[in-house]
């Protein structure tokens, strides 16, 4: 779409035809911006929460609960897609549980802190 602008240098120097052309261009730009705004609002889908669909285009509120419900829905959809994609179950061998290094046992006595360990070692 080619944009043409008509400017009048002096008042009254524009012909009637130029004025009409200027009005038509302005109206065309206004309609184009309105159409783009409507397309953008149509692309934004309202979140469906517990209260039903909220109308974002009419200035309806989107609450945190609506956002969290939408995010939970996305997570569930991703999880089901991953589960469907990988039908085989992979079992990972668990590592043996290591002894707690924060506990010190010397001659049957046990220490759980640094102070207790120092007392045991003396």
PDB file of N, CA and C in Angstrom:
ATOM      1  N   UNK A   1       0.840  -1.162   0.000  1.00  0.00           N
ATOM      2  CA  UNK A   1       0.000   0.000   0.000  1.00  0.00           C
ATOM      3  C   UNK A   1       0.893   1.235   0.000  1.00  0.00           C
ATOM      4  N   UNK A   2       0.714   2.070  -0.958  1.00  0.00           N
ATOM      5  CA  UNK A   2       1.520   3.272  -1.104  1.00  0.00           C
ATOM      6  C   UNK A   2       0.840   4.422  -0.384  1.00  0.00           C
ATOM      7  N   UNK A   3       1.605   5.107   0.450  1.00  0.00           N
ATOM      8  CA  UNK A   3       1.048   6.224   1.210  1.00  0.00           C
ATOM      9  C   UNK A   3       1.442   7.517   0.523  1.00  0.00           C
ATOM     10  N   UNK A   4       0.455   8.357   0.293  1.00  0.00           N
ATOM     11  CA  UNK A   4       0.697   9.656  -0.306  1.00  0.00           C
ATOM     12  C   UNK A   4       0.168  10.713   0.645  1.00  0.00           C
ATOM     13  N   UNK A   5       0.978  11.707   0.876  1.00  0.00           N
ATOM     14  CA  UNK A   5       0.588  12.789   1.759  1.00  0.00           C
ATOM     15  C   UNK A   5       0.481  14.080   0.955  1.00  0.00           C
ATOM     16  N   UNK A   6      -0.563  14.834   1.232  1.00  0.00           N
ATOM     17  CA  UNK A   6      -0.779  16.098   0.551  1.00  0.00           C
ATOM     18  C   UNK A   6      -0.676  17.200   1.591  1.00  0.00           C
ATOM     19  N   UNK A   7       0.218  18.156   1.357  1.00  0.00           N
ATOM     20  CA  UNK A   7       0.397  19.263   2.278  1.00  0.00           C
ATOM     21  C   UNK A   7       0.138  20.576   1.534  1.00  0.00           C
ATOM     22  N   UNK A   8      -0.578  21.439   2.179  1.00  0.00           N
ATOM     23  CA  UNK A   8      -0.844  22.756   1.609  1.00  0.00           C
ATOM     24  C   UNK A   8       0.071  23.757   2.303  1.00  0.00           C
ATOM     25  N   UNK A   9       0.820  24.521   1.519  1.00  0.00           N
ATOM     26  CA  UNK A   9       1.768  25.464   2.081  1.00  0.00           C
ATOM     27  C   UNK A   9       1.035  26.669   2.649  1.00  0.00           C
ATOM     28  N   UNK A  10       0.144  27.216   1.894  1.00  0.00           N
ATOM     29  CA  UNK A  10      -0.618  28.381   2.349  1.00  0.00           C
ATOM     30  C   UNK A  10      -2.082  28.000   2.523  1.00  0.00           C
ATOM     31  N   UNK A  11      -2.699  28.691   3.434  1.00  0.00           N
ATOM     32  CA  UNK A  11      -4.113  28.436   3.667  1.00  0.00           C
ATOM     33  C   UNK A  11      -4.903  28.838   2.420  1.00  0.00           C
ATOM     34  N   UNK A  12      -5.713  27.924   1.970  1.00  0.00           N
ATOM     35  CA  UNK A  12      -6.543  28.189   0.817  1.00  0.00           C
ATOM     36  C   UNK A  12      -5.854  27.866  -0.502  1.00  0.00           C
ATOM     37  N   UNK A  13      -4.563  27.440  -0.451  1.00  0.00           N
ATOM     38  CA  UNK A  13      -3.861  27.159  -1.699  1.00  0.00           C
ATOM     39  C   UNK A  13      -4.181  25.762  -2.234  1.00  0.00           C
ATOM     40  N   UNK A  14      -4.756  24.896  -1.401  1.00  0.00           N
ATOM     41  CA  UNK A  14      -5.104  23.540  -1.836  1.00  0.00           C
ATOM     42  C   UNK A  14      -6.434  23.573  -2.582  1.00  0.00           C
ATOM     43  N   UNK A  15      -6.474  22.803  -3.613  1.00  0.00           N
ATOM     44  CA  UNK A  15      -7.727  22.723  -4.354  1.00  0.00           C
ATOM     45  C   UNK A  15      -8.683  21.776  -3.634  1.00  0.00           C
ATOM     46  N   UNK A  16      -9.904  21.805  -4.004  1.00  0.00           N
ATOM     47  CA  UNK A  16     -10.920  20.933  -3.399  1.00  0.00           C
ATOM     48  C   UNK A  16     -10.551  19.475  -3.605  1.00  0.00           C
ATOM     49  N   UNK A  17      -9.993  19.163  -4.739  1.00  0.00           N
ATOM     50  CA  UNK A  17      -9.604  17.785  -5.046  1.00  0.00           C
ATOM     51  C   UNK A  17      -8.491  17.308  -4.111  1.00  0.00           C
ATOM     52  N   UNK A  18      -7.519  18.161  -3.849  1.00  0.00           N
ATOM     53  CA  UNK A  18      -6.429  17.804  -2.948  1.00  0.00           C
ATOM     54  C   UNK A  18      -6.938  17.604  -1.525  1.00  0.00           C
ATOM     55  N   UNK A  19      -7.874  18.444  -1.108  1.00  0.00           N
ATOM     56  CA  UNK A  19      -8.457  18.301   0.227  1.00  0.00           C
ATOM     57  C   UNK A  19      -9.207  16.981   0.354  1.00  0.00           C
ATOM     58  N   UNK A  20      -9.952  16.613  -0.662  1.00  0.00           N
ATOM     59  CA  UNK A  20     -10.678  15.345  -0.642  1.00  0.00           C
ATOM     60  C   UNK A  20      -9.714  14.166  -0.628  1.00  0.00           C
ATOM     61  N   UNK A  21      -8.624  14.298  -1.378  1.00  0.00           N
ATOM     62  CA  UNK A  21      -7.610  13.250  -1.407  1.00  0.00           C
ATOM     63  C   UNK A  21      -6.986  13.073  -0.027  1.00  0.00           C
ATOM     64  N   UNK A  22      -6.708  14.196   0.622  1.00  0.00           N
ATOM     65  CA  UNK A  22      -6.126  14.171   1.961  1.00  0.00           C
ATOM     66  C   UNK A  22      -7.079  13.503   2.954  1.00  0.00           C
ATOM     67  N   UNK A  23      -8.365  13.847   2.875  1.00  0.00           N
ATOM     68  CA  UNK A  23      -9.370  13.232   3.755  1.00  0.00           C
ATOM     69  C   UNK A  23      -9.476  11.733   3.498  1.00  0.00           C
ATOM     70  N   UNK A  24      -9.461  11.355   2.219  1.00  0.00           N
ATOM     71  CA  UNK A  24      -9.575   9.937   1.862  1.00  0.00           C
ATOM     72  C   UNK A  24      -8.382   9.156   2.388  1.00  0.00           C
ATOM     73  N   UNK A  25      -7.178   9.730   2.265  1.00  0.00           N
ATOM     74  CA  UNK A  25      -5.985   9.063   2.789  1.00  0.00           C
ATOM     75  C   UNK A  25      -6.056   8.910   4.300  1.00  0.00           C
ATOM     76  N   UNK A  26      -6.502   9.965   4.964  1.00  0.00           N
ATOM     77  CA  UNK A  26      -6.630   9.910   6.421  1.00  0.00           C
ATOM     78  C   UNK A  26      -7.637   8.839   6.837  1.00  0.00           C
ATOM     79  N   UNK A  27      -8.768   8.785   6.145  1.00  0.00           N
ATOM     80  CA  UNK A  27      -9.789   7.787   6.446  1.00  0.00           C
ATOM     81  C   UNK A  27      -9.267   6.370   6.181  1.00  0.00           C
ATOM     82  N   UNK A  28      -8.504   6.219   5.108  1.00  0.00           N
ATOM     83  CA  UNK A  28      -7.947   4.902   4.771  1.00  0.00           C
ATOM     84  C   UNK A  28      -6.947   4.436   5.831  1.00  0.00           C
ATOM     85  N   UNK A  29      -6.082   5.343   6.288  1.00  0.00           N
ATOM     86  CA  UNK A  29      -5.131   5.002   7.353  1.00  0.00           C
ATOM     87  C   UNK A  29      -5.856   4.645   8.647  1.00  0.00           C
ATOM     88  N   UNK A  30      -6.923   5.370   8.944  1.00  0.00           N
ATOM     89  CA  UNK A  30      -7.694   5.097  10.156  1.00  0.00           C
ATOM     90  C   UNK A  30      -8.349   3.716  10.084  1.00  0.00           C
ATOM     91  N   UNK A  31      -8.917   3.380   8.929  1.00  0.00           N
ATOM     92  CA  UNK A  31      -9.543   2.066   8.765  1.00  0.00           C
ATOM     93  C   UNK A  31      -8.508   0.952   8.858  1.00  0.00           C
ATOM     94  N   UNK A  32      -7.323   1.169   8.291  1.00  0.00           N
ATOM     95  CA  UNK A  32      -6.256   0.159   8.339  1.00  0.00           C
ATOM     96  C   UNK A  32      -5.796  -0.077   9.773  1.00  0.00           C
ATOM     97  N   UNK A  33      -5.624   1.006  10.538  1.00  0.00           N
ATOM     98  CA  UNK A  33      -5.206   0.828  11.934  1.00  0.00           C
ATOM     99  C   UNK A  33      -6.304   0.158  12.753  1.00  0.00           C
ATOM    100  N   UNK A  34      -7.551   0.461  12.469  1.00  0.00           N
ATOM    101  CA  UNK A  34      -8.672  -0.191  13.159  1.00  0.00           C
ATOM    102  C   UNK A  34      -8.706  -1.685  12.836  1.00  0.00           C
ATOM    103  N   UNK A  35      -8.481  -2.023  11.553  1.00  0.00           N
ATOM    104  CA  UNK A  35      -8.470  -3.425  11.139  1.00  0.00           C
ATOM    105  C   UNK A  35      -7.339  -4.183  11.824  1.00  0.00           C
ATOM    106  N   UNK A  36      -6.147  -3.566  11.900  1.00  0.00           N
ATOM    107  CA  UNK A  36      -5.017  -4.207  12.570  1.00  0.00           C
ATOM    108  C   UNK A  36      -5.286  -4.402  14.059  1.00  0.00           C
ATOM    109  N   UNK A  37      -5.924  -3.411  14.682  1.00  0.00           N
ATOM    110  CA  UNK A  37      -6.260  -3.534  16.104  1.00  0.00           C
ATOM    111  C   UNK A  37      -7.254  -4.666  16.330  1.00  0.00           C
ATOM    112  N   UNK A  38      -8.242  -4.800  15.450  1.00  0.00           N
ATOM    113  CA  UNK A  38      -9.218  -5.885  15.573  1.00  0.00           C
ATOM    114  C   UNK A  38      -8.563  -7.247  15.377  1.00  0.00           C
ATOM    115  N   UNK A  39      -7.631  -7.338  14.426  1.00  0.00           N
ATOM    116  CA  UNK A  39      -6.925  -8.603  14.211  1.00  0.00           C
ATOM    117  C   UNK A  39      -6.111  -8.989  15.436  1.00  0.00           C
ATOM    118  N   UNK A  40      -5.445  -8.001  16.029  1.00  0.00           N
ATOM    119  CA  UNK A  40      -4.646  -8.279  17.213  1.00  0.00           C
ATOM    120  C   UNK A  40      -5.516  -8.739  18.374  1.00  0.00           C
ATOM    121  N   UNK A  41      -6.643  -8.088  18.569  1.00  0.00           N
ATOM    122  CA  UNK A  41      -7.532  -8.477  19.663  1.00  0.00           C
ATOM    123  C   UNK A  41      -8.146  -9.853  19.408  1.00  0.00           C
ATOM    124  N   UNK A  42      -8.379 -10.183  18.139  1.00  0.00           N
ATOM    125  CA  UNK A  42      -8.912 -11.507  17.822  1.00  0.00           C
ATOM    126  C   UNK A  42      -7.874 -12.583  18.068  1.00  0.00           C
ATOM    127  N   UNK A  43      -6.591 -12.235  17.901  1.00  0.00           N
ATOM    128  CA  UNK A  43      -5.540 -13.229  18.112  1.00  0.00           C
ATOM    129  C   UNK A  43      -5.317 -13.510  19.592  1.00  0.00           C
ATOM    130  N   UNK A  44      -5.709 -12.564  20.440  1.00  0.00           N
ATOM    131  CA  UNK A  44      -5.575 -12.768  21.883  1.00  0.00           C
ATOM    132  C   UNK A  44      -6.809 -13.506  22.355  1.00  0.00           C
ATOM    133  N   UNK A  45      -6.630 -14.759  22.708  1.00  0.00           N
ATOM    134  CA  UNK A  45      -7.755 -15.573  23.176  1.00  0.00           C
ATOM    135  C   UNK A  45      -7.967 -15.319  24.660  1.00  0.00           C
ATOM    136  N   UNK A  46      -9.201 -15.150  25.093  1.00  0.00           N
ATOM    137  CA  UNK A  46      -9.451 -14.969  26.525  1.00  0.00           C
ATOM    138  C   UNK A  46      -9.188 -16.262  27.277  1.00  0.00           C
ATOM    139  N   UNK A  47      -8.611 -16.125  28.470  1.00  0.00           N
ATOM    140  CA  UNK A  47      -8.312 -17.283  29.307  1.00  0.00           C
ATOM    141  C   UNK A  47      -9.606 -17.809  29.899  1.00  0.00           C
ATOM    142  N   UNK A  48      -9.780 -19.121  29.877  1.00  0.00           N
ATOM    143  CA  UNK A  48     -10.982 -19.703  30.466  1.00  0.00           C
ATOM    144  C   UNK A  48     -10.645 -20.185  31.860  1.00  0.00           C
ATOM    145  N   UNK A  49     -11.222 -19.531  32.834  1.00  0.00           N
ATOM    146  CA  UNK A  49     -10.970 -19.870  34.230  1.00  0.00           C
ATOM    147  C   UNK A  49     -12.175 -20.558  34.834  1.00  0.00           C
ATOM    148  N   UNK A  50     -12.249 -20.562  36.160  1.00  0.00           N
ATOM    149  CA  UNK A  50     -13.362 -21.194  36.849  1.00  0.00           C
ATOM    150  C   UNK A  50     -14.657 -20.406  36.630  1.00  0.00           C
ATOM    151  N   UNK A  51     -14.522 -19.089  36.371  1.00  0.00           N
ATOM    152  CA  UNK A  51     -15.706 -18.261  36.183  1.00  0.00           C
ATOM    153  C   UNK A  51     -16.127 -18.208  34.731  1.00  0.00           C
ATOM    154  N   UNK A  52     -15.462 -18.921  33.879  1.00  0.00           N
ATOM    155  CA  UNK A  52     -15.793 -18.878  32.462  1.00  0.00           C
ATOM    156  C   UNK A  52     -14.790 -18.011  31.737  1.00  0.00           C
ATOM    157  N   UNK A  53     -15.056 -17.772  30.478  1.00  0.00           N
ATOM    158  CA  UNK A  53     -14.136 -16.986  29.667  1.00  0.00           C
ATOM    159  C   UNK A  53     -14.290 -15.510  29.993  1.00  0.00           C
ATOM    160  N   UNK A  54     -13.175 -14.854  30.219  1.00  0.00           N
ATOM    161  CA  UNK A  54     -13.206 -13.423  30.448  1.00  0.00           C
ATOM    162  C   UNK A  54     -12.928 -12.725  29.137  1.00  0.00           C
ATOM    163  N   UNK A  55     -13.548 -11.582  28.943  1.00  0.00           N
ATOM    164  CA  UNK A  55     -13.406 -10.853  27.694  1.00  0.00           C
ATOM    165  C   UNK A  55     -12.312  -9.812  27.848  1.00  0.00           C
ATOM    166  N   UNK A  56     -11.123 -10.119  27.340  1.00  0.00           N
ATOM    167  CA  UNK A  56      -9.985  -9.234  27.467  1.00  0.00           C
ATOM    168  C   UNK A  56     -10.167  -8.011  26.591  1.00  0.00           C
ATOM    169  N   UNK A  57     -10.779  -8.178  25.419  1.00  0.00           N
ATOM    170  CA  UNK A  57     -10.929  -7.057  24.499  1.00  0.00           C
ATOM    171  C   UNK A  57     -11.873  -5.993  25.043  1.00  0.00           C
ATOM    172  N   UNK A  58     -12.803  -6.374  25.901  1.00  0.00           N
ATOM    173  CA  UNK A  58     -13.744  -5.414  26.457  1.00  0.00           C
ATOM    174  C   UNK A  58     -13.240  -4.854  27.780  1.00  0.00           C
ATOM    175  N   UNK A  59     -11.973  -5.093  28.109  1.00  0.00           N
ATOM    176  CA  UNK A  59     -11.413  -4.560  29.341  1.00  0.00           C
ATOM    177  C   UNK A  59     -11.665  -5.455  30.529  1.00  0.00           C
ATOM    178  N   UNK A  60     -11.998  -6.724  30.305  1.00  0.00           N
ATOM    179  CA  UNK A  60     -12.233  -7.644  31.401  1.00  0.00           C
ATOM    180  C   UNK A  60     -10.943  -7.937  32.149  1.00  0.00           C
ATOM    181  N   UNK A  61     -11.069  -8.252  33.410  1.00  0.00           N
ATOM    182  CA  UNK A  61      -9.896  -8.511  34.228  1.00  0.00           C
ATOM    183  C   UNK A  61      -9.380  -9.920  33.999  1.00  0.00           C
ATOM    184  N   UNK A  62      -8.079 -10.062  34.059  1.00  0.00           N
ATOM    185  CA  UNK A  62      -7.445 -11.372  34.056  1.00  0.00           C
ATOM    186  C   UNK A  62      -6.771 -11.493  35.415  1.00  0.00           C
ATOM    187  N   UNK A  63      -7.286 -12.372  36.237  1.00  0.00           N
ATOM    188  CA  UNK A  63      -6.779 -12.500  37.595  1.00  0.00           C
ATOM    189  C   UNK A  63      -5.606 -13.450  37.636  1.00  0.00           C
ATOM    190  N   UNK A  64      -4.920 -13.449  38.763  1.00  0.00           N
ATOM    191  CA  UNK A  64      -3.796 -14.380  38.948  1.00  0.00           C
ATOM    192  C   UNK A  64      -4.278 -15.822  38.869  1.00  0.00           C
ATOM    193  N   UNK A  65      -5.465 -16.058  39.377  1.00  0.00           N
ATOM    194  CA  UNK A  65      -6.017 -17.412  39.333  1.00  0.00           C
ATOM    195  C   UNK A  65      -6.222 -17.853  37.886  1.00  0.00           C
ATOM    196  N   UNK A  66      -6.685 -16.932  37.035  1.00  0.00           N
ATOM    197  CA  UNK A  66      -6.850 -17.252  35.612  1.00  0.00           C
ATOM    198  C   UNK A  66      -5.508 -17.566  34.977  1.00  0.00           C
ATOM    199  N   UNK A  67      -4.492 -16.762  35.292  1.00  0.00           N
ATOM    200  CA  UNK A  67      -3.158 -16.984  34.731  1.00  0.00           C
ATOM    201  C   UNK A  67      -2.593 -18.306  35.209  1.00  0.00           C
ATOM    202  N   UNK A  68      -2.718 -18.602  36.513  1.00  0.00           N
ATOM    203  CA  UNK A  68      -2.207 -19.862  37.053  1.00  0.00           C
ATOM    204  C   UNK A  68      -2.944 -21.053  36.455  1.00  0.00           C
ATOM    205  N   UNK A  69      -4.257 -20.921  36.258  1.00  0.00           N
ATOM    206  CA  UNK A  69      -5.025 -22.016  35.659  1.00  0.00           C
ATOM    207  C   UNK A  69      -4.575 -22.242  34.227  1.00  0.00           C
ATOM    208  N   UNK A  70      -4.313 -21.157  33.519  1.00  0.00           N
ATOM    209  CA  UNK A  70      -3.832 -21.284  32.137  1.00  0.00           C
ATOM    210  C   UNK A  70      -2.455 -21.938  32.096  1.00  0.00           C
ATOM    211  N   UNK A  71      -1.560 -21.534  33.015  1.00  0.00           N
ATOM    212  CA  UNK A  71      -0.230 -22.134  33.068  1.00  0.00           C
ATOM    213  C   UNK A  71      -0.303 -23.606  33.450  1.00  0.00           C
ATOM    214  N   UNK A  72      -1.177 -23.951  34.387  1.00  0.00           N
ATOM    215  CA  UNK A  72      -1.343 -25.346  34.773  1.00  0.00           C
ATOM    216  C   UNK A  72      -1.862 -26.162  33.595  1.00  0.00           C
ATOM    217  N   UNK A  73      -2.769 -25.573  32.840  1.00  0.00           N
ATOM    218  CA  UNK A  73      -3.289 -26.245  31.652  1.00  0.00           C
ATOM    219  C   UNK A  73      -2.174 -26.487  30.635  1.00  0.00           C
ATOM    220  N   UNK A  74      -1.304 -25.494  30.443  1.00  0.00           N
ATOM    221  CA  UNK A  74      -0.182 -25.655  29.512  1.00  0.00           C
ATOM    222  C   UNK A  74       0.783 -26.741  29.979  1.00  0.00           C
ATOM    223  N   UNK A  75       1.038 -26.793  31.289  1.00  0.00           N
ATOM    224  CA  UNK A  75       1.937 -27.808  31.832  1.00  0.00           C
ATOM    225  C   UNK A  75       1.337 -29.201  31.649  1.00  0.00           C
ATOM    226  N   UNK A  76       0.045 -29.322  31.911  1.00  0.00           N
ATOM    227  CA  UNK A  76      -0.619 -30.618  31.742  1.00  0.00           C
ATOM    228  C   UNK A  76      -0.598 -31.049  30.283  1.00  0.00           C
ATOM    229  N   UNK A  77      -0.822 -30.122  29.378  1.00  0.00           N
ATOM    230  CA  UNK A  77      -0.805 -30.442  27.950  1.00  0.00           C
ATOM    231  C   UNK A  77       0.583 -30.883  27.516  1.00  0.00           C
ATOM    232  N   UNK A  78       1.613 -30.209  28.031  1.00  0.00           N
ATOM    233  CA  UNK A  78       2.988 -30.592  27.697  1.00  0.00           C
ATOM    234  C   UNK A  78       3.317 -31.966  28.276  1.00  0.00           C
ATOM    235  N   UNK A  79       2.837 -32.240  29.493  1.00  0.00           N
ATOM    236  CA  UNK A  79       3.104 -33.534  30.118  1.00  0.00           C
ATOM    237  C   UNK A  79       2.432 -34.670  29.352  1.00  0.00           C
ATOM    238  N   UNK A  80       1.204 -34.460  28.930  1.00  0.00           N
ATOM    239  CA  UNK A  80       0.521 -35.501  28.167  1.00  0.00           C
ATOM    240  C   UNK A  80       1.165 -35.689  26.800  1.00  0.00           C
ATOM    241  N   UNK A  81       1.665 -34.612  26.214  1.00  0.00           N
ATOM    242  CA  UNK A  81       2.354 -34.733  24.927  1.00  0.00           C
ATOM    243  C   UNK A  81       3.656 -35.503  25.094  1.00  0.00           C
ATOM    244  N   UNK A  82       4.376 -35.245  26.173  1.00  0.00           N
ATOM    245  CA  UNK A  82       5.628 -35.972  26.438  1.00  0.00           C
ATOM    246  C   UNK A  82       5.351 -37.439  26.752  1.00  0.00           C
ATOM    247  N   UNK A  83       4.284 -37.701  27.488  1.00  0.00           N
ATOM    248  CA  UNK A  83       3.949 -39.078  27.836  1.00  0.00           C
ATOM    249  C   UNK A  83       3.547 -39.857  26.590  1.00  0.00           C
ATOM    250  N   UNK A  84       2.836 -39.225  25.694  1.00  0.00           N
ATOM    251  CA  UNK A  84       2.425 -39.886  24.465  1.00  0.00           C
ATOM    252  C   UNK A  84       3.621 -40.118  23.546  1.00  0.00           C
ATOM    253  N   UNK A  85       4.567 -39.193  23.569  1.00  0.00           N
ATOM    254  CA  UNK A  85       5.736 -39.313  22.698  1.00  0.00           C
ATOM    255  C   UNK A  85       6.661 -40.435  23.171  1.00  0.00           C
ATOM    256  N   UNK A  86       6.813 -40.567  24.457  1.00  0.00           N
ATOM    257  CA  UNK A  86       7.697 -41.617  24.976  1.00  0.00           C
ATOM    258  C   UNK A  86       6.848 -42.656  25.703  1.00  0.00           C
ATOM    259  N   UNK A  87       6.413 -43.655  24.984  1.00  0.00           N
ATOM    260  CA  UNK A  87       5.548 -44.665  25.575  1.00  0.00           C
ATOM    261  C   UNK A  87       6.343 -45.680  26.402  1.00  0.00           C
ATOM    262  N   UNK A  88       7.633 -45.812  26.149  1.00  0.00           N
ATOM    263  CA  UNK A  88       8.424 -46.757  26.927  1.00  0.00           C
ATOM    264  C   UNK A  88       8.871 -46.111  28.227  1.00  0.00           C
ATOM    265  N   UNK A  89       8.939 -46.898  29.279  1.00  0.00           N
ATOM    266  CA  UNK A  89       9.319 -46.411  30.592  1.00  0.00           C
ATOM    267  C   UNK A  89      10.795 -46.703  30.800  1.00  0.00           C
ATOM    268  N   UNK A  90      11.545 -45.702  31.196  1.00  0.00           N
ATOM    269  CA  UNK A  90      12.973 -45.854  31.443  1.00  0.00           C
ATOM    270  C   UNK A  90      13.175 -45.933  32.943  1.00  0.00           C
ATOM    271  N   UNK A  91      13.812 -47.015  33.400  1.00  0.00           N
ATOM    272  CA  UNK A  91      14.083 -47.197  34.811  1.00  0.00           C
ATOM    273  C   UNK A  91      15.546 -46.855  35.052  1.00  0.00           C
ATOM    274  N   UNK A  92      15.773 -45.957  35.991  1.00  0.00           N
ATOM    275  CA  UNK A  92      17.126 -45.540  36.311  1.00  0.00           C
ATOM    276  C   UNK A  92      17.513 -46.201  37.623  1.00  0.00           C
ATOM    277  N   UNK A  93      18.686 -46.823  37.613  1.00  0.00           N
ATOM    278  CA  UNK A  93      19.167 -47.451  38.850  1.00  0.00           C
ATOM    279  C   UNK A  93      19.511 -46.359  39.857  1.00  0.00           C
ATOM    280  N   UNK A  94      19.007 -46.547  41.059  1.00  0.00           N
ATOM    281  CA  UNK A  94      19.281 -45.570  42.095  1.00  0.00           C
ATOM    282  C   UNK A  94      20.646 -45.836  42.698  1.00  0.00           C
ATOM    283  N   UNK A  95      21.322 -44.773  43.042  1.00  0.00           N
ATOM    284  CA  UNK A  95      22.617 -44.896  43.684  1.00  0.00           C
ATOM    285  C   UNK A  95      22.419 -45.308  45.133  1.00  0.00           C
ATOM    286  N   UNK A  96      23.375 -46.063  45.685  1.00  0.00           N
ATOM    287  CA  UNK A  96      23.232 -46.431  47.100  1.00  0.00           C
ATOM    288  C   UNK A  96      23.314 -45.180  47.981  1.00  0.00           C
ATOM    289  N   UNK A  97      22.615 -45.238  49.099  1.00  0.00           N
ATOM    290  CA  UNK A  97      22.594 -44.113  50.019  1.00  0.00           C
ATOM    291  C   UNK A  97      23.937 -44.027  50.720  1.00  0.00           C
ATOM    292  N   UNK A  98      24.536 -42.852  50.633  1.00  0.00           N
ATOM    293  CA  UNK A  98      25.837 -42.653  51.257  1.00  0.00           C
ATOM    294  C   UNK A  98      25.667 -42.319  52.729  1.00  0.00           C
ATOM    295  N   UNK A  99      26.699 -42.630  53.479  1.00  0.00           N
ATOM    296  CA  UNK A  99      26.667 -42.349  54.901  1.00  0.00           C
ATOM    297  C   UNK A  99      26.746 -40.843  55.118  1.00  0.00           C
ATOM    298  N   UNK A 100      26.024 -40.367  56.112  1.00  0.00           N
ATOM    299  CA  UNK A 100      26.002 -38.942  56.423  1.00  0.00           C
ATOM    300  C   UNK A 100      27.367 -38.538  56.972  1.00  0.00           C
ATOM    301  N   UNK A 101      28.020 -37.636  56.274  1.00  0.00           N
ATOM    302  CA  UNK A 101      29.350 -37.214  56.702  1.00  0.00           C
ATOM    303  C   UNK A 101      29.282 -36.223  57.851  1.00  0.00           C
ATOM    304  N   UNK A 102      28.115 -35.726  58.161  1.00  0.00           N
ATOM    305  CA  UNK A 102      27.960 -34.788  59.267  1.00  0.00           C
ATOM    306  C   UNK A 102      27.840 -35.499  60.611  1.00  0.00           C
ATOM    307  N   UNK A 103      27.786 -36.807  60.578  1.00  0.00           N
ATOM    308  CA  UNK A 103      27.732 -37.578  61.828  1.00  0.00           C
ATOM    309  C   UNK A 103      29.052 -38.313  61.990  1.00  0.00           C
ATOM    310  N   UNK A 104      29.619 -38.215  63.131  1.00  0.00           N
ATOM    311  CA  UNK A 104      30.904 -38.869  63.386  1.00  0.00           C
ATOM    312  C   UNK A 104      30.713 -39.900  64.490  1.00  0.00           C
ATOM    313  N   UNK A 105      31.116 -41.134  64.217  1.00  0.00           N
ATOM    314  CA  UNK A 105      30.993 -42.196  65.204  1.00  0.00           C
ATOM    315  C   UNK A 105      32.406 -42.698  65.513  1.00  0.00           C
ATOM    316  N   UNK A 106      32.793 -42.545  66.764  1.00  0.00           N
ATOM    317  CA  UNK A 106      34.105 -43.002  67.213  1.00  0.00           C
ATOM    318  C   UNK A 106      33.881 -43.837  68.459  1.00  0.00           C
ATOM    319  N   UNK A 107      34.287 -45.098  68.384  1.00  0.00           N
ATOM    320  CA  UNK A 107      34.174 -46.010  69.519  1.00  0.00           C
ATOM    321  C   UNK A 107      32.760 -46.062  70.080  1.00  0.00           C
ATOM    322  N   UNK A 108      31.768 -46.070  69.207  1.00  0.00           N
ATOM    323  CA  UNK A 108      30.390 -46.189  69.649  1.00  0.00           C
ATOM    324  C   UNK A 108      29.774 -44.874  70.081  1.00  0.00           C
ATOM    325  N   UNK A 109      30.581 -43.851  70.253  1.00  0.00           N
ATOM    326  CA  UNK A 109      30.056 -42.535  70.606  1.00  0.00           C
ATOM    327  C   UNK A 109      29.766 -41.769  69.318  1.00  0.00           C
ATOM    328  N   UNK A 110      28.790 -40.915  69.396  1.00  0.00           N
ATOM    329  CA  UNK A 110      28.312 -40.235  68.199  1.00  0.00           C
ATOM    330  C   UNK A 110      28.343 -38.723  68.404  1.00  0.00           C
ATOM    331  N   UNK A 111      28.751 -38.009  67.348  1.00  0.00           N
ATOM    332  CA  UNK A 111      28.777 -36.548  67.410  1.00  0.00           C
ATOM    333  C   UNK A 111      28.035 -36.002  66.202  1.00  0.00           C
ATOM    334  N   UNK A 112      27.183 -34.997  66.431  1.00  0.00           N
ATOM    335  CA  UNK A 112      26.409 -34.405  65.348  1.00  0.00           C
ATOM    336  C   UNK A 112      26.823 -32.966  65.070  1.00  0.00           C
ATOM    337  N   UNK A 113      27.655 -32.386  65.888  1.00  0.00           N
ATOM    338  CA  UNK A 113      28.104 -31.020  65.659  1.00  0.00           C
ATOM    339  C   UNK A 113      29.622 -30.966  65.807  1.00  0.00           C
ATOM    340  N   UNK A 114      30.184 -29.835  65.470  1.00  0.00           N
ATOM    341  CA  UNK A 114      31.639 -29.661  65.549  1.00  0.00           C
ATOM    342  C   UNK A 114      32.102 -29.733  66.995  1.00  0.00           C
ATOM    343  N   UNK A 115      31.350 -29.102  67.864  1.00  0.00           N
ATOM    344  CA  UNK A 115      31.730 -29.112  69.279  1.00  0.00           C
ATOM    345  C   UNK A 115      31.738 -30.533  69.833  1.00  0.00           C
ATOM    346  N   UNK A 116      30.715 -31.320  69.510  1.00  0.00           N
ATOM    347  CA  UNK A 116      30.654 -32.704  69.978  1.00  0.00           C
ATOM    348  C   UNK A 116      31.796 -33.518  69.382  1.00  0.00           C
ATOM    349  N   UNK A 117      32.142 -33.273  68.130  1.00  0.00           N
ATOM    350  CA  UNK A 117      33.240 -34.011  67.491  1.00  0.00           C
ATOM    351  C   UNK A 117      34.554 -33.678  68.157  1.00  0.00           C
ATOM    352  N   UNK A 118      34.781 -32.424  68.522  1.00  0.00           N
ATOM    353  CA  UNK A 118      36.023 -32.043  69.203  1.00  0.00           C
ATOM    354  C   UNK A 118      36.097 -32.702  70.557  1.00  0.00           C
ATOM    355  N   UNK A 119      34.959 -32.745  71.252  1.00  0.00           N
ATOM    356  CA  UNK A 119      34.942 -33.401  72.575  1.00  0.00           C
ATOM    357  C   UNK A 119      35.233 -34.894  72.423  1.00  0.00           C
ATOM    358  N   UNK A 120      34.722 -35.535  71.376  1.00  0.00           N
ATOM    359  CA  UNK A 120      34.978 -36.964  71.169  1.00  0.00           C
ATOM    360  C   UNK A 120      36.455 -37.225  70.876  1.00  0.00           C
ATOM    361  N   UNK A 121      37.072 -36.359  70.110  1.00  0.00           N
ATOM    362  CA  UNK A 121      38.450 -36.575  69.713  1.00  0.00           C
ATOM    363  C   UNK A 121      39.430 -36.308  70.846  1.00  0.00           C
ATOM    364  N   UNK A 122      39.049 -35.628  71.877  1.00  0.00           N
ATOM    365  CA  UNK A 122      39.931 -35.346  73.013  1.00  0.00           C
ATOM    366  C   UNK A 122      40.033 -36.504  73.922  1.00  0.00           C
TER     367      UNK A 122
END
